[in-house]
Amino acid sequence: MTPASMPIPSFDPIPMPAPEPLVHGLLVVTVLLHALFVNLVLGSTPIMVVTE
């Protein structure tokens, strides 16, 4: 199979929905919030299991 006949979609340039620094900042904030809540849930589960 030659590279020209491989079923790879063509590049579709979709513009950024906001300025790049804002997108990166929101990415960092949301990942940190996700890590915080996952830590809260997984860290409090053993406490709940022991006390119930």
N, C-alpha and C. Protein backbone atom coordinates (compact mmCIF):
# COMPACT_ATOMS: atom_id res chain seq x y z
N MET A 1 0.85 -1.17 0.00
CA MET A 1 0.00 0.00 0.00
C MET A 1 0.90 1.24 0.00
N THR A 2 0.69 2.09 -0.94
CA THR A 2 1.51 3.30 -1.05
C THR A 2 0.98 4.37 -0.09
N PRO A 3 1.84 5.28 0.34
CA PRO A 3 1.38 6.34 1.27
C PRO A 3 0.26 7.20 0.69
N ALA A 4 0.22 7.36 -0.62
CA ALA A 4 -0.82 8.19 -1.22
C ALA A 4 -2.19 7.52 -1.17
N SER A 5 -2.23 6.19 -1.10
CA SER A 5 -3.52 5.50 -1.11
C SER A 5 -3.98 5.10 0.31
N MET A 6 -3.25 5.48 1.35
CA MET A 6 -3.64 5.12 2.71
C MET A 6 -4.84 5.97 3.15
N PRO A 7 -5.73 5.38 3.91
CA PRO A 7 -6.95 6.11 4.32
C PRO A 7 -6.71 7.05 5.51
N ILE A 8 -5.90 8.07 5.32
CA ILE A 8 -5.63 9.06 6.36
C ILE A 8 -6.39 10.33 5.99
N PRO A 9 -7.21 10.83 6.87
CA PRO A 9 -7.97 12.04 6.51
C PRO A 9 -7.05 13.23 6.31
N SER A 10 -7.49 14.13 5.48
CA SER A 10 -6.69 15.33 5.22
C SER A 10 -6.77 16.28 6.41
N PHE A 11 -5.79 17.14 6.52
CA PHE A 11 -5.72 18.10 7.61
C PHE A 11 -6.83 19.13 7.45
N ASP A 12 -7.62 19.32 8.50
CA ASP A 12 -8.72 20.27 8.47
C ASP A 12 -8.40 21.40 9.44
N PRO A 13 -7.97 22.54 8.95
CA PRO A 13 -7.58 23.63 9.85
C PRO A 13 -8.79 24.28 10.52
N ILE A 14 -9.04 23.91 11.76
CA ILE A 14 -10.13 24.51 12.54
C ILE A 14 -9.51 25.58 13.43
N PRO A 15 -10.03 26.78 13.40
CA PRO A 15 -9.41 27.84 14.22
C PRO A 15 -9.62 27.60 15.70
N MET A 16 -8.72 28.16 16.50
CA MET A 16 -8.85 28.05 17.96
C MET A 16 -10.08 28.83 18.41
N PRO A 17 -10.82 28.31 19.41
CA PRO A 17 -12.02 29.01 19.86
C PRO A 17 -11.72 30.24 20.70
N ALA A 18 -10.49 30.37 21.16
CA ALA A 18 -10.09 31.51 21.99
C ALA A 18 -8.58 31.70 21.79
N PRO A 19 -8.03 32.79 22.31
CA PRO A 19 -6.57 32.97 22.21
C PRO A 19 -5.82 31.81 22.89
N GLU A 20 -4.68 31.47 22.33
CA GLU A 20 -3.94 30.30 22.81
C GLU A 20 -3.56 30.38 24.29
N PRO A 21 -3.10 31.50 24.83
CA PRO A 21 -2.80 31.54 26.27
C PRO A 21 -4.02 31.25 27.15
N LEU A 22 -5.19 31.71 26.73
CA LEU A 22 -6.41 31.44 27.49
C LEU A 22 -6.75 29.95 27.47
N VAL A 23 -6.61 29.32 26.32
CA VAL A 23 -6.90 27.89 26.21
C VAL A 23 -5.93 27.09 27.07
N HIS A 24 -4.66 27.44 27.05
CA HIS A 24 -3.68 26.73 27.87
C HIS A 24 -3.93 26.97 29.36
N GLY A 25 -4.29 28.19 29.72
CA GLY A 25 -4.60 28.49 31.11
C GLY A 25 -5.80 27.71 31.61
N LEU A 26 -6.86 27.65 30.79
CA LEU A 26 -8.04 26.88 31.17
C LEU A 26 -7.72 25.39 31.25
N LEU A 27 -6.85 24.91 30.36
CA LEU A 27 -6.44 23.51 30.41
C LEU A 27 -5.75 23.20 31.73
N VAL A 28 -4.84 24.06 32.14
CA VAL A 28 -4.12 23.85 33.40
C VAL A 28 -5.09 23.89 34.58
N VAL A 29 -5.98 24.87 34.60
CA VAL A 29 -6.93 25.00 35.71
C VAL A 29 -7.85 23.80 35.78
N THR A 30 -8.39 23.36 34.65
CA THR A 30 -9.32 22.23 34.68
C THR A 30 -8.63 20.92 35.03
N VAL A 31 -7.38 20.74 34.60
CA VAL A 31 -6.65 19.52 34.98
C VAL A 31 -6.37 19.52 36.48
N LEU A 32 -6.01 20.68 37.03
CA LEU A 32 -5.78 20.75 38.47
C LEU A 32 -7.07 20.51 39.26
N LEU A 33 -8.19 21.06 38.79
CA LEU A 33 -9.48 20.80 39.45
C LEU A 33 -9.85 19.32 39.36
N HIS A 34 -9.60 18.71 38.21
CA HIS A 34 -9.88 17.29 38.05
C HIS A 34 -9.03 16.47 39.03
N ALA A 35 -7.75 16.78 39.12
CA ALA A 35 -6.87 16.05 40.03
C ALA A 35 -7.31 16.24 41.48
N LEU A 36 -7.75 17.45 41.83
CA LEU A 36 -8.22 17.73 43.18
C LEU A 36 -9.44 16.89 43.53
N PHE A 37 -10.43 16.86 42.65
CA PHE A 37 -11.65 16.10 42.94
C PHE A 37 -11.43 14.60 42.90
N VAL A 38 -10.57 14.11 42.00
CA VAL A 38 -10.25 12.68 42.00
C VAL A 38 -9.54 12.31 43.29
N ASN A 39 -8.62 13.16 43.74
CA ASN A 39 -7.93 12.92 44.99
C ASN A 39 -8.92 12.93 46.16
N LEU A 40 -9.86 13.85 46.13
CA LEU A 40 -10.87 13.93 47.18
C LEU A 40 -11.72 12.66 47.24
N VAL A 41 -12.17 12.19 46.08
CA VAL A 41 -13.02 11.00 46.04
C VAL A 41 -12.24 9.76 46.42
N LEU A 42 -11.07 9.57 45.82
CA LEU A 42 -10.30 8.36 46.10
C LEU A 42 -9.69 8.38 47.50
N GLY A 43 -9.39 9.56 48.01
CA GLY A 43 -8.80 9.65 49.34
C GLY A 43 -9.83 9.49 50.43
N SER A 44 -11.08 9.89 50.17
CA SER A 44 -12.10 9.78 51.21
C SER A 44 -12.82 8.44 51.18
N THR A 45 -12.65 7.67 50.14
CA THR A 45 -13.32 6.36 50.06
C THR A 45 -12.87 5.42 51.17
N PRO A 46 -11.56 5.25 51.44
CA PRO A 46 -11.18 4.35 52.54
C PRO A 46 -11.69 4.84 53.90
N ILE A 47 -11.73 6.16 54.09
CA ILE A 47 -12.24 6.69 55.35
C ILE A 47 -13.72 6.34 55.50
N MET A 48 -14.48 6.48 54.43
CA MET A 48 -15.88 6.16 54.47
C MET A 48 -16.12 4.66 54.70
N VAL A 49 -15.30 3.83 54.06
CA VAL A 49 -15.45 2.39 54.23
C VAL A 49 -15.14 1.97 55.67
N VAL A 50 -14.13 2.57 56.28
CA VAL A 50 -13.74 2.21 57.64
C VAL A 50 -14.78 2.70 58.65
N THR A 51 -15.32 3.90 58.45
CA THR A 51 -16.23 4.47 59.44
C THR A 51 -17.66 3.99 59.29
N GLU A 52 -18.02 3.41 58.16
CA GLU A 52 -19.40 2.95 57.99
C GLU A 52 -19.60 1.57 58.55
